[in-house]
Amino acid sequence: NNAKNVNITKVINNGCDNKSNIEVIDLINKHNNMYGAIGI
């Protein structure tokens, strides 16, 4: 919301290990303005 308030309309959330990759998938499914990259 802080980002949206200054016209940052989308974010690309980057994973870096299995734990964060799993969280990326969970979050992008919850938040319309978030996209994901997954990798190690």
PDB file of all heavy atoms in Angstrom:
ATOM      1  N   ASN A   1       0.830  -1.206   0.000  1.00  0.00           N
ATOM      2  CA  ASN A   1       0.000   0.000   0.000  1.00  0.00           C
ATOM      3  C   ASN A   1       0.869   1.262   0.000  1.00  0.00           C
ATOM      4  O   ASN A   1       0.539   2.254  -0.664  1.00  0.00           O
ATOM      5  CB  ASN A   1      -0.949   0.016   1.199  1.00  0.00           C
ATOM      6  CG  ASN A   1      -2.147  -0.896   1.009  1.00  0.00           C
ATOM      7  OD1 ASN A   1      -2.514  -1.208  -0.129  1.00  0.00           O
ATOM      8  ND2 ASN A   1      -2.743  -1.341   2.096  1.00  0.00           N
ATOM      9  N   ASN A   2       1.980   1.223   0.748  1.00  0.00           N
ATOM     10  CA  ASN A   2       2.915   2.362   0.757  1.00  0.00           C
ATOM     11  C   ASN A   2       3.419   2.639  -0.656  1.00  0.00           C
ATOM     12  O   ASN A   2       3.551   3.796  -1.074  1.00  0.00           O
ATOM     13  CB  ASN A   2       4.108   2.080   1.666  1.00  0.00           C
ATOM     14  CG  ASN A   2       3.753   2.057   3.132  1.00  0.00           C
ATOM     15  OD1 ASN A   2       2.688   2.544   3.524  1.00  0.00           O
ATOM     16  ND2 ASN A   2       4.623   1.484   3.947  1.00  0.00           N
ATOM     17  N   ALA A   3       3.704   1.560  -1.384  1.00  0.00           N
ATOM     18  CA  ALA A   3       4.175   1.701  -2.764  1.00  0.00           C
ATOM     19  C   ALA A   3       3.061   2.272  -3.649  1.00  0.00           C
ATOM     20  O   ALA A   3       3.294   3.207  -4.435  1.00  0.00           O
ATOM     21  CB  ALA A   3       4.643   0.352  -3.292  1.00  0.00           C
ATOM     22  N   LYS A   4       1.875   1.735  -3.500  1.00  0.00           N
ATOM     23  CA  LYS A   4       0.745   2.181  -4.316  1.00  0.00           C
ATOM     24  C   LYS A   4       0.452   3.667  -4.110  1.00  0.00           C
ATOM     25  O   LYS A   4       0.088   4.384  -5.052  1.00  0.00           O
ATOM     26  CB  LYS A   4      -0.490   1.342  -3.960  1.00  0.00           C
ATOM     27  CG  LYS A   4      -1.648   1.473  -4.929  1.00  0.00           C
ATOM     28  CD  LYS A   4      -2.765   0.502  -4.559  1.00  0.00           C
ATOM     29  CE  LYS A   4      -3.932   0.623  -5.538  1.00  0.00           C
ATOM     30  NZ  LYS A   4      -5.037  -0.295  -5.175  1.00  0.00           N
ATOM     31  N   ASN A   5       0.668   4.144  -2.886  1.00  0.00           N
ATOM     32  CA  ASN A   5       0.389   5.544  -2.556  1.00  0.00           C
ATOM     33  C   ASN A   5       1.311   6.517  -3.272  1.00  0.00           C
ATOM     34  O   ASN A   5       1.006   7.716  -3.364  1.00  0.00           O
ATOM     35  CB  ASN A   5       0.487   5.757  -1.039  1.00  0.00           C
ATOM     36  CG  ASN A   5      -0.680   5.132  -0.288  1.00  0.00           C
ATOM     37  OD1 ASN A   5      -1.734   4.878  -0.874  1.00  0.00           O
ATOM     38  ND2 ASN A   5      -0.498   4.871   0.998  1.00  0.00           N
ATOM     39  N   VAL A   6       2.460   6.040  -3.759  1.00  0.00           N
ATOM     40  CA  VAL A   6       3.365   6.905  -4.528  1.00  0.00           C
ATOM     41  C   VAL A   6       3.462   6.415  -5.982  1.00  0.00           C
ATOM     42  O   VAL A   6       4.465   6.611  -6.660  1.00  0.00           O
ATOM     43  CB  VAL A   6       4.765   7.020  -3.877  1.00  0.00           C
ATOM     44  CG1 VAL A   6       4.704   7.863  -2.613  1.00  0.00           C
ATOM     45  CG2 VAL A   6       5.361   5.642  -3.593  1.00  0.00           C
ATOM     46  N   ASN A   7       2.389   5.763  -6.442  1.00  0.00           N
ATOM     47  CA  ASN A   7       2.255   5.330  -7.842  1.00  0.00           C
ATOM     48  C   ASN A   7       3.256   4.265  -8.269  1.00  0.00           C
ATOM     49  O   ASN A   7       3.637   4.198  -9.438  1.00  0.00           O
ATOM     50  CB  ASN A   7       2.331   6.525  -8.795  1.00  0.00           C
ATOM     51  CG  ASN A   7       1.060   7.359  -8.747  1.00  0.00           C
ATOM     52  OD1 ASN A   7      -0.024   6.831  -8.504  1.00  0.00           O
ATOM     53  ND2 ASN A   7       1.192   8.651  -8.961  1.00  0.00           N
ATOM     54  N   ILE A   8       3.685   3.423  -7.313  1.00  0.00           N
ATOM     55  CA  ILE A   8       4.420   2.202  -7.663  1.00  0.00           C
ATOM     56  C   ILE A   8       3.344   1.124  -7.780  1.00  0.00           C
ATOM     57  O   ILE A   8       2.888   0.581  -6.774  1.00  0.00           O
ATOM     58  CB  ILE A   8       5.479   1.823  -6.600  1.00  0.00           C
ATOM     59  CG1 ILE A   8       6.279   3.043  -6.147  1.00  0.00           C
ATOM     60  CG2 ILE A   8       6.368   0.701  -7.113  1.00  0.00           C
ATOM     61  CD1 ILE A   8       6.980   3.783  -7.260  1.00  0.00           C
ATOM     62  N   THR A   9       2.940   0.841  -9.003  1.00  0.00           N
ATOM     63  CA  THR A   9       1.718   0.062  -9.206  1.00  0.00           C
ATOM     64  C   THR A   9       1.921  -1.444  -9.150  1.00  0.00           C
ATOM     65  O   THR A   9       0.982  -2.198  -8.897  1.00  0.00           O
ATOM     66  CB  THR A   9       1.077   0.418 -10.554  1.00  0.00           C
ATOM     67  OG1 THR A   9       2.042   0.167 -11.593  1.00  0.00           O
ATOM     68  CG2 THR A   9       0.664   1.881 -10.598  1.00  0.00           C
ATOM     69  N   LYS A  10       3.155  -1.900  -9.414  1.00  0.00           N
ATOM     70  CA  LYS A  10       3.433  -3.334  -9.420  1.00  0.00           C
ATOM     71  C   LYS A  10       4.823  -3.574  -8.864  1.00  0.00           C
ATOM     72  O   LYS A  10       5.710  -2.708  -8.934  1.00  0.00           O
ATOM     73  CB  LYS A  10       3.348  -3.923 -10.835  1.00  0.00           C
ATOM     74  CG  LYS A  10       1.979  -3.816 -11.491  1.00  0.00           C
ATOM     75  CD  LYS A  10       2.007  -4.418 -12.886  1.00  0.00           C
ATOM     76  CE  LYS A  10       0.640  -4.337 -13.552  1.00  0.00           C
ATOM     77  NZ  LYS A  10       0.289  -2.963 -13.954  1.00  0.00           N
ATOM     78  N   VAL A  11       5.024  -4.789  -8.328  1.00  0.00           N
ATOM     79  CA  VAL A  11       6.350  -5.205  -7.871  1.00  0.00           C
ATOM     80  C   VAL A  11       6.620  -6.615  -8.380  1.00  0.00           C
ATOM     81  O   VAL A  11       5.701  -7.405  -8.573  1.00  0.00           O
ATOM     82  CB  VAL A  11       6.482  -5.164  -6.327  1.00  0.00           C
ATOM     83  CG1 VAL A  11       6.161  -3.773  -5.776  1.00  0.00           C
ATOM     84  CG2 VAL A  11       5.609  -6.218  -5.653  1.00  0.00           C
ATOM     85  N   ILE A  12       7.899  -6.887  -8.618  1.00  0.00           N
ATOM     86  CA  ILE A  12       8.331  -8.245  -8.975  1.00  0.00           C
ATOM     87  C   ILE A  12       9.135  -8.784  -7.791  1.00  0.00           C
ATOM     88  O   ILE A  12      10.227  -8.293  -7.492  1.00  0.00           O
ATOM     89  CB  ILE A  12       9.167  -8.256 -10.263  1.00  0.00           C
ATOM     90  CG1 ILE A  12       8.354  -7.682 -11.429  1.00  0.00           C
ATOM     91  CG2 ILE A  12       9.617  -9.687 -10.582  1.00  0.00           C
ATOM     92  CD1 ILE A  12       9.133  -7.541 -12.723  1.00  0.00           C
ATOM     93  N   ASN A  13       8.557  -9.766  -7.120  1.00  0.00           N
ATOM     94  CA  ASN A  13       9.164 -10.341  -5.922  1.00  0.00           C
ATOM     95  C   ASN A  13      10.093 -11.488  -6.331  1.00  0.00           C
ATOM     96  O   ASN A  13       9.669 -12.412  -7.037  1.00  0.00           O
ATOM     97  CB  ASN A  13       8.062 -10.851  -4.988  1.00  0.00           C
ATOM     98  CG  ASN A  13       8.491 -10.887  -3.541  1.00  0.00           C
ATOM     99  OD1 ASN A  13       9.543 -10.382  -3.177  1.00  0.00           O
ATOM    100  ND2 ASN A  13       7.664 -11.495  -2.697  1.00  0.00           N
ATOM    101  N   ASN A  14      11.338 -11.437  -5.897  1.00  0.00           N
ATOM    102  CA  ASN A  14      12.358 -12.393  -6.336  1.00  0.00           C
ATOM    103  C   ASN A  14      12.712 -13.396  -5.245  1.00  0.00           C
ATOM    104  O   ASN A  14      13.125 -13.009  -4.144  1.00  0.00           O
ATOM    105  CB  ASN A  14      13.640 -11.653  -6.722  1.00  0.00           C
ATOM    106  CG  ASN A  14      13.570 -11.034  -8.096  1.00  0.00           C
ATOM    107  OD1 ASN A  14      14.280 -11.412  -9.014  1.00  0.00           O
ATOM    108  ND2 ASN A  14      12.680 -10.044  -8.242  1.00  0.00           N
ATOM    109  N   GLY A  15      12.583 -14.679  -5.569  1.00  0.00           N
ATOM    110  CA  GLY A  15      13.046 -15.719  -4.671  1.00  0.00           C
ATOM    111  C   GLY A  15      14.537 -15.959  -4.836  1.00  0.00           C
ATOM    112  O   GLY A  15      15.140 -15.554  -5.835  1.00  0.00           O
ATOM    113  N   CYS A  16      15.120 -16.654  -3.867  1.00  0.00           N
ATOM    114  CA  CYS A  16      16.561 -16.955  -3.952  1.00  0.00           C
ATOM    115  C   CYS A  16      16.892 -18.341  -3.403  1.00  0.00           C
ATOM    116  O   CYS A  16      18.027 -18.808  -3.528  1.00  0.00           O
ATOM    117  CB  CYS A  16      17.386 -15.886  -3.253  1.00  0.00           C
ATOM    118  SG  CYS A  16      16.901 -15.569  -1.564  1.00  0.00           S
ATOM    119  N   ASP A  17      15.918 -19.011  -2.800  1.00  0.00           N
ATOM    120  CA  ASP A  17      16.094 -20.381  -2.314  1.00  0.00           C
ATOM    121  C   ASP A  17      14.705 -21.015  -2.228  1.00  0.00           C
ATOM    122  O   ASP A  17      13.708 -20.365  -2.548  1.00  0.00           O
ATOM    123  CB  ASP A  17      16.822 -20.403  -0.964  1.00  0.00           C
ATOM    124  CG  ASP A  17      16.107 -19.620   0.126  1.00  0.00           C
ATOM    125  OD1 ASP A  17      14.916 -19.260  -0.047  1.00  0.00           O
ATOM    126  OD2 ASP A  17      16.735 -19.339   1.162  1.00  0.00           O
ATOM    127  N   ASN A  18      14.640 -22.255  -1.810  1.00  0.00           N
ATOM    128  CA  ASN A  18      13.353 -22.938  -1.841  1.00  0.00           C
ATOM    129  C   ASN A  18      12.323 -22.283  -0.920  1.00  0.00           C
ATOM    130  O   ASN A  18      11.160 -22.121  -1.290  1.00  0.00           O
ATOM    131  CB  ASN A  18      13.520 -24.413  -1.460  1.00  0.00           C
ATOM    132  CG  ASN A  18      12.303 -25.244  -1.854  1.00  0.00           C
ATOM    133  OD1 ASN A  18      11.894 -25.237  -3.006  1.00  0.00           O
ATOM    134  ND2 ASN A  18      11.723 -25.934  -0.887  1.00  0.00           N
ATOM    135  N   LYS A  19      12.756 -21.877   0.264  1.00  0.00           N
ATOM    136  CA  LYS A  19      11.840 -21.244   1.215  1.00  0.00           C
ATOM    137  C   LYS A  19      11.228 -19.971   0.624  1.00  0.00           C
ATOM    138  O   LYS A  19      10.014 -19.769   0.672  1.00  0.00           O
ATOM    139  CB  LYS A  19      12.579 -20.916   2.515  1.00  0.00           C
ATOM    140  CG  LYS A  19      11.704 -20.236   3.554  1.00  0.00           C
ATOM    141  CD  LYS A  19      12.522 -19.802   4.761  1.00  0.00           C
ATOM    142  CE  LYS A  19      11.657 -19.000   5.736  1.00  0.00           C
ATOM    143  NZ  LYS A  19      12.463 -18.418   6.843  1.00  0.00           N
ATOM    144  N   SER A  20      12.079 -19.104   0.064  1.00  0.00           N
ATOM    145  CA  SER A  20      11.566 -17.849  -0.488  1.00  0.00           C
ATOM    146  C   SER A  20      10.775 -18.086  -1.772  1.00  0.00           C
ATOM    147  O   SER A  20       9.800 -17.380  -2.043  1.00  0.00           O
ATOM    148  CB  SER A  20      12.693 -16.844  -0.710  1.00  0.00           C
ATOM    149  OG  SER A  20      13.694 -17.362  -1.552  1.00  0.00           O
ATOM    150  N   ASN A  21      11.159 -19.088  -2.563  1.00  0.00           N
ATOM    151  CA  ASN A  21      10.393 -19.400  -3.767  1.00  0.00           C
ATOM    152  C   ASN A  21       8.966 -19.819  -3.425  1.00  0.00           C
ATOM    153  O   ASN A  21       8.008 -19.410  -4.093  1.00  0.00           O
ATOM    154  CB  ASN A  21      11.073 -20.510  -4.565  1.00  0.00           C
ATOM    155  CG  ASN A  21      12.349 -20.051  -5.243  1.00  0.00           C
ATOM    156  OD1 ASN A  21      12.525 -18.875  -5.529  1.00  0.00           O
ATOM    157  ND2 ASN A  21      13.257 -20.989  -5.502  1.00  0.00           N
ATOM    158  N   ILE A  22       8.828 -20.614  -2.383  1.00  0.00           N
ATOM    159  CA  ILE A  22       7.494 -21.039  -1.939  1.00  0.00           C
ATOM    160  C   ILE A  22       6.673 -19.825  -1.499  1.00  0.00           C
ATOM    161  O   ILE A  22       5.488 -19.697  -1.819  1.00  0.00           O
ATOM    162  CB  ILE A  22       7.601 -22.080  -0.801  1.00  0.00           C
ATOM    163  CG1 ILE A  22       8.143 -23.410  -1.361  1.00  0.00           C
ATOM    164  CG2 ILE A  22       6.255 -22.285  -0.110  1.00  0.00           C
ATOM    165  CD1 ILE A  22       8.522 -24.427  -0.297  1.00  0.00           C
ATOM    166  N   GLU A  23       7.333 -18.892  -0.787  1.00  0.00           N
ATOM    167  CA  GLU A  23       6.618 -17.697  -0.328  1.00  0.00           C
ATOM    168  C   GLU A  23       6.248 -16.797  -1.506  1.00  0.00           C
ATOM    169  O   GLU A  23       5.178 -16.179  -1.497  1.00  0.00           O
ATOM    170  CB  GLU A  23       7.439 -16.927   0.713  1.00  0.00           C
ATOM    171  CG  GLU A  23       6.614 -15.865   1.409  1.00  0.00           C
ATOM    172  CD  GLU A  23       7.260 -15.271   2.654  1.00  0.00           C
ATOM    173  OE1 GLU A  23       8.362 -15.722   3.041  1.00  0.00           O
ATOM    174  OE2 GLU A  23       6.668 -14.344   3.230  1.00  0.00           O
ATOM    175  N   VAL A  24       7.120 -16.710  -2.515  1.00  0.00           N
ATOM    176  CA  VAL A  24       6.793 -15.943  -3.722  1.00  0.00           C
ATOM    177  C   VAL A  24       5.484 -16.450  -4.324  1.00  0.00           C
ATOM    178  O   VAL A  24       4.582 -15.661  -4.634  1.00  0.00           O
ATOM    179  CB  VAL A  24       7.921 -16.026  -4.781  1.00  0.00           C
ATOM    180  CG1 VAL A  24       7.417 -15.561  -6.145  1.00  0.00           C
ATOM    181  CG2 VAL A  24       9.119 -15.189  -4.366  1.00  0.00           C
ATOM    182  N   ILE A  25       5.379 -17.757  -4.487  1.00  0.00           N
ATOM    183  CA  ILE A  25       4.176 -18.339  -5.089  1.00  0.00           C
ATOM    184  C   ILE A  25       2.942 -18.024  -4.251  1.00  0.00           C
ATOM    185  O   ILE A  25       1.884 -17.642  -4.777  1.00  0.00           O
ATOM    186  CB  ILE A  25       4.329 -19.869  -5.280  1.00  0.00           C
ATOM    187  CG1 ILE A  25       5.504 -20.191  -6.213  1.00  0.00           C
ATOM    188  CG2 ILE A  25       3.032 -20.481  -5.810  1.00  0.00           C
ATOM    189  CD1 ILE A  25       5.409 -19.596  -7.597  1.00  0.00           C
ATOM    190  N   ASP A  26       3.074 -18.150  -2.945  1.00  0.00           N
ATOM    191  CA  ASP A  26       1.956 -17.853  -2.050  1.00  0.00           C
ATOM    192  C   ASP A  26       1.524 -16.385  -2.177  1.00  0.00           C
ATOM    193  O   ASP A  26       0.331 -16.082  -2.303  1.00  0.00           O
ATOM    194  CB  ASP A  26       2.358 -18.168  -0.608  1.00  0.00           C
ATOM    195  CG  ASP A  26       1.247 -17.875   0.382  1.00  0.00           C
ATOM    196  OD1 ASP A  26       0.122 -18.380   0.185  1.00  0.00           O
ATOM    197  OD2 ASP A  26       1.488 -17.124   1.352  1.00  0.00           O
ATOM    198  N   LEU A  27       2.503 -15.474  -2.187  1.00  0.00           N
ATOM    199  CA  LEU A  27       2.198 -14.042  -2.192  1.00  0.00           C
ATOM    200  C   LEU A  27       1.629 -13.560  -3.530  1.00  0.00           C
ATOM    201  O   LEU A  27       0.715 -12.741  -3.553  1.00  0.00           O
ATOM    202  CB  LEU A  27       3.448 -13.236  -1.829  1.00  0.00           C
ATOM    203  CG  LEU A  27       3.902 -13.345  -0.369  1.00  0.00           C
ATOM    204  CD1 LEU A  27       5.279 -12.714  -0.188  1.00  0.00           C
ATOM    205  CD2 LEU A  27       2.894 -12.673   0.564  1.00  0.00           C
ATOM    206  N   ILE A  28       2.160 -14.061  -4.629  1.00  0.00           N
ATOM    207  CA  ILE A  28       1.643 -13.591  -5.928  1.00  0.00           C
ATOM    208  C   ILE A  28       0.224 -14.083  -6.164  1.00  0.00           C
ATOM    209  O   ILE A  28      -0.540 -13.443  -6.893  1.00  0.00           O
ATOM    210  CB  ILE A  28       2.563 -13.982  -7.110  1.00  0.00           C
ATOM    211  CG1 ILE A  28       2.644 -15.495  -7.294  1.00  0.00           C
ATOM    212  CG2 ILE A  28       3.933 -13.349  -6.968  1.00  0.00           C
ATOM    213  CD1 ILE A  28       3.449 -15.938  -8.517  1.00  0.00           C
ATOM    214  N   ASN A  29      -0.135 -15.188  -5.528  1.00  0.00           N
ATOM    215  CA  ASN A  29      -1.513 -15.673  -5.636  1.00  0.00           C
ATOM    216  C   ASN A  29      -2.468 -14.860  -4.768  1.00  0.00           C
ATOM    217  O   ASN A  29      -3.682 -14.859  -5.010  1.00  0.00           O
ATOM    218  CB  ASN A  29      -1.580 -17.152  -5.257  1.00  0.00           C
ATOM    219  CG  ASN A  29      -0.949 -18.050  -6.308  1.00  0.00           C
ATOM    220  OD1 ASN A  29      -0.893 -17.699  -7.488  1.00  0.00           O
ATOM    221  ND2 ASN A  29      -0.448 -19.205  -5.897  1.00  0.00           N
ATOM    222  N   LYS A  30      -1.921 -14.153  -3.779  1.00  0.00           N
ATOM    223  CA  LYS A  30      -2.743 -13.344  -2.861  1.00  0.00           C
ATOM    224  C   LYS A  30      -2.873 -11.889  -3.309  1.00  0.00           C
ATOM    225  O   LYS A  30      -3.885 -11.244  -3.032  1.00  0.00           O
ATOM    226  CB  LYS A  30      -2.139 -13.363  -1.457  1.00  0.00           C
ATOM    227  CG  LYS A  30      -2.343 -14.643  -0.688  1.00  0.00           C
ATOM    228  CD  LYS A  30      -1.697 -14.512   0.683  1.00  0.00           C
ATOM    229  CE  LYS A  30      -1.841 -15.800   1.481  1.00  0.00           C
ATOM    230  NZ  LYS A  30      -1.071 -15.724   2.769  1.00  0.00           N
ATOM    231  N   HIS A  31      -1.818 -11.347  -3.930  1.00  0.00           N
ATOM    232  CA  HIS A  31      -1.760  -9.905  -4.200  1.00  0.00           C
ATOM    233  C   HIS A  31      -1.762  -9.634  -5.703  1.00  0.00           C
ATOM    234  O   HIS A  31      -0.837 -10.031  -6.420  1.00  0.00           O
ATOM    235  CB  HIS A  31      -0.508  -9.298  -3.562  1.00  0.00           C
ATOM    236  CG  HIS A  31      -0.455  -9.457  -2.074  1.00  0.00           C
ATOM    237  ND1 HIS A  31      -1.217  -8.697  -1.214  1.00  0.00           N
ATOM    238  CD2 HIS A  31       0.273 -10.304  -1.293  1.00  0.00           C
ATOM    239  CE1 HIS A  31      -0.968  -9.051   0.037  1.00  0.00           C
ATOM    240  NE2 HIS A  31      -0.068 -10.031   0.015  1.00  0.00           N
ATOM    241  N   ASN A  32      -2.773  -8.903  -6.159  1.00  0.00           N
ATOM    242  CA  ASN A  32      -2.922  -8.626  -7.587  1.00  0.00           C
ATOM    243  C   ASN A  32      -1.753  -7.850  -8.174  1.00  0.00           C
ATOM    244  O   ASN A  32      -1.416  -8.017  -9.350  1.00  0.00           O
ATOM    245  CB  ASN A  32      -4.222  -7.846  -7.848  1.00  0.00           C
ATOM    246  CG  ASN A  32      -5.454  -8.699  -7.629  1.00  0.00           C
ATOM    247  OD1 ASN A  32      -5.392  -9.929  -7.731  1.00  0.00           O
ATOM    248  ND2 ASN A  32      -6.576  -8.067  -7.319  1.00  0.00           N
ATOM    249  N   ASN A  33      -1.158  -6.978  -7.384  1.00  0.00           N
ATOM    250  CA  ASN A  33      -0.105  -6.092  -7.906  1.00  0.00           C
ATOM    251  C   ASN A  33       1.295  -6.663  -7.712  1.00  0.00           C
ATOM    252  O   ASN A  33       2.287  -5.953  -7.883  1.00  0.00           O
ATOM    253  CB  ASN A  33      -0.198  -4.705  -7.262  1.00  0.00           C
ATOM    254  CG  ASN A  33      -0.085  -4.741  -5.741  1.00  0.00           C
ATOM    255  OD1 ASN A  33      -0.321  -5.778  -5.124  1.00  0.00           O
ATOM    256  ND2 ASN A  33       0.271  -3.614  -5.149  1.00  0.00           N
ATOM    257  N   MET A  34       1.392  -7.944  -7.361  1.00  0.00           N
ATOM    258  CA  MET A  34       2.701  -8.584  -7.188  1.00  0.00           C
ATOM    259  C   MET A  34       2.877  -9.717  -8.207  1.00  0.00           C
ATOM    260  O   MET A  34       1.997 -10.556  -8.376  1.00  0.00           O
ATOM    261  CB  MET A  34       2.866  -9.144  -5.769  1.00  0.00           C
ATOM    262  CG  MET A  34       4.229  -9.789  -5.529  1.00  0.00           C
ATOM    263  SD  MET A  34       4.376 -10.565  -3.881  1.00  0.00           S
ATOM    264  CE  MET A  34       4.545  -9.114  -2.840  1.00  0.00           C
ATOM    265  N   TYR A  35       4.032  -9.684  -8.863  1.00  0.00           N
ATOM    266  CA  TYR A  35       4.450 -10.758  -9.766  1.00  0.00           C
ATOM    267  C   TYR A  35       5.694 -11.407  -9.181  1.00  0.00           C
ATOM    268  O   TYR A  35       6.306 -10.865  -8.246  1.00  0.00           O
ATOM    269  CB  TYR A  35       4.720 -10.205 -11.167  1.00  0.00           C
ATOM    270  CG  TYR A  35       3.462  -9.717 -11.848  1.00  0.00           C
ATOM    271  CD1 TYR A  35       2.928  -8.467 -11.543  1.00  0.00           C
ATOM    272  CD2 TYR A  35       2.799 -10.501 -12.787  1.00  0.00           C
ATOM    273  CE1 TYR A  35       1.755  -8.020 -12.142  1.00  0.00           C
ATOM    274  CE2 TYR A  35       1.633 -10.056 -13.396  1.00  0.00           C
ATOM    275  CZ  TYR A  35       1.116  -8.820 -13.064  1.00  0.00           C
ATOM    276  OH  TYR A  35      -0.041  -8.384 -13.662  1.00  0.00           O
ATOM    277  N   GLY A  36       6.068 -12.564  -9.725  1.00  0.00           N
ATOM    278  CA  GLY A  36       7.159 -13.301  -9.102  1.00  0.00           C
ATOM    279  C   GLY A  36       8.233 -13.774 -10.050  1.00  0.00           C
ATOM    280  O   GLY A  36       7.990 -14.010 -11.242  1.00  0.00           O
ATOM    281  N   ALA A  37       9.435 -13.896  -9.494  1.00  0.00           N
ATOM    282  CA  ALA A  37      10.540 -14.612 -10.134  1.00  0.00           C
ATOM    283  C   ALA A  37      11.013 -15.646  -9.126  1.00  0.00           C
ATOM    284  O   ALA A  37      11.111 -15.354  -7.931  1.00  0.00           O
ATOM    285  CB  ALA A  37      11.668 -13.662 -10.498  1.00  0.00           C
ATOM    286  N   ILE A  38      11.279 -16.855  -9.596  1.00  0.00           N
ATOM    287  CA  ILE A  38      11.762 -17.896  -8.692  1.00  0.00           C
ATOM    288  C   ILE A  38      13.068 -18.469  -9.232  1.00  0.00           C
ATOM    289  O   ILE A  38      13.250 -18.631 -10.433  1.00  0.00           O
ATOM    290  CB  ILE A  38      10.702 -19.011  -8.484  1.00  0.00           C
ATOM    291  CG1 ILE A  38      10.161 -19.541  -9.821  1.00  0.00           C
ATOM    292  CG2 ILE A  38       9.562 -18.499  -7.611  1.00  0.00           C
ATOM    293  CD1 ILE A  38       9.157 -20.695  -9.666  1.00  0.00           C
ATOM    294  N   GLY A  39      13.979 -18.734  -8.311  1.00  0.00           N
ATOM    295  CA  GLY A  39      15.284 -19.242  -8.707  1.00  0.00           C
ATOM    296  C   GLY A  39      16.144 -19.524  -7.487  1.00  0.00           C
ATOM    297  O   GLY A  39      15.735 -19.260  -6.347  1.00  0.00           O
ATOM    298  N   ILE A  40      17.330 -20.051  -7.733  1.00  0.00           N
ATOM    299  CA  ILE A  40      18.270 -20.340  -6.641  1.00  0.00           C
ATOM    300  C   ILE A  40      19.494 -19.454  -6.820  1.00  0.00           C
ATOM    301  O   ILE A  40      20.193 -19.523  -7.840  1.00  0.00           O
ATOM    302  CB  ILE A  40      18.657 -21.826  -6.615  1.00  0.00           C
ATOM    303  CG1 ILE A  40      17.400 -22.680  -6.402  1.00  0.00           C
ATOM    304  CG2 ILE A  40      19.679 -22.090  -5.506  1.00  0.00           C
ATOM    305  CD1 ILE A  40      17.628 -24.164  -6.569  1.00  0.00           C
TER     306      ILE A  40
END
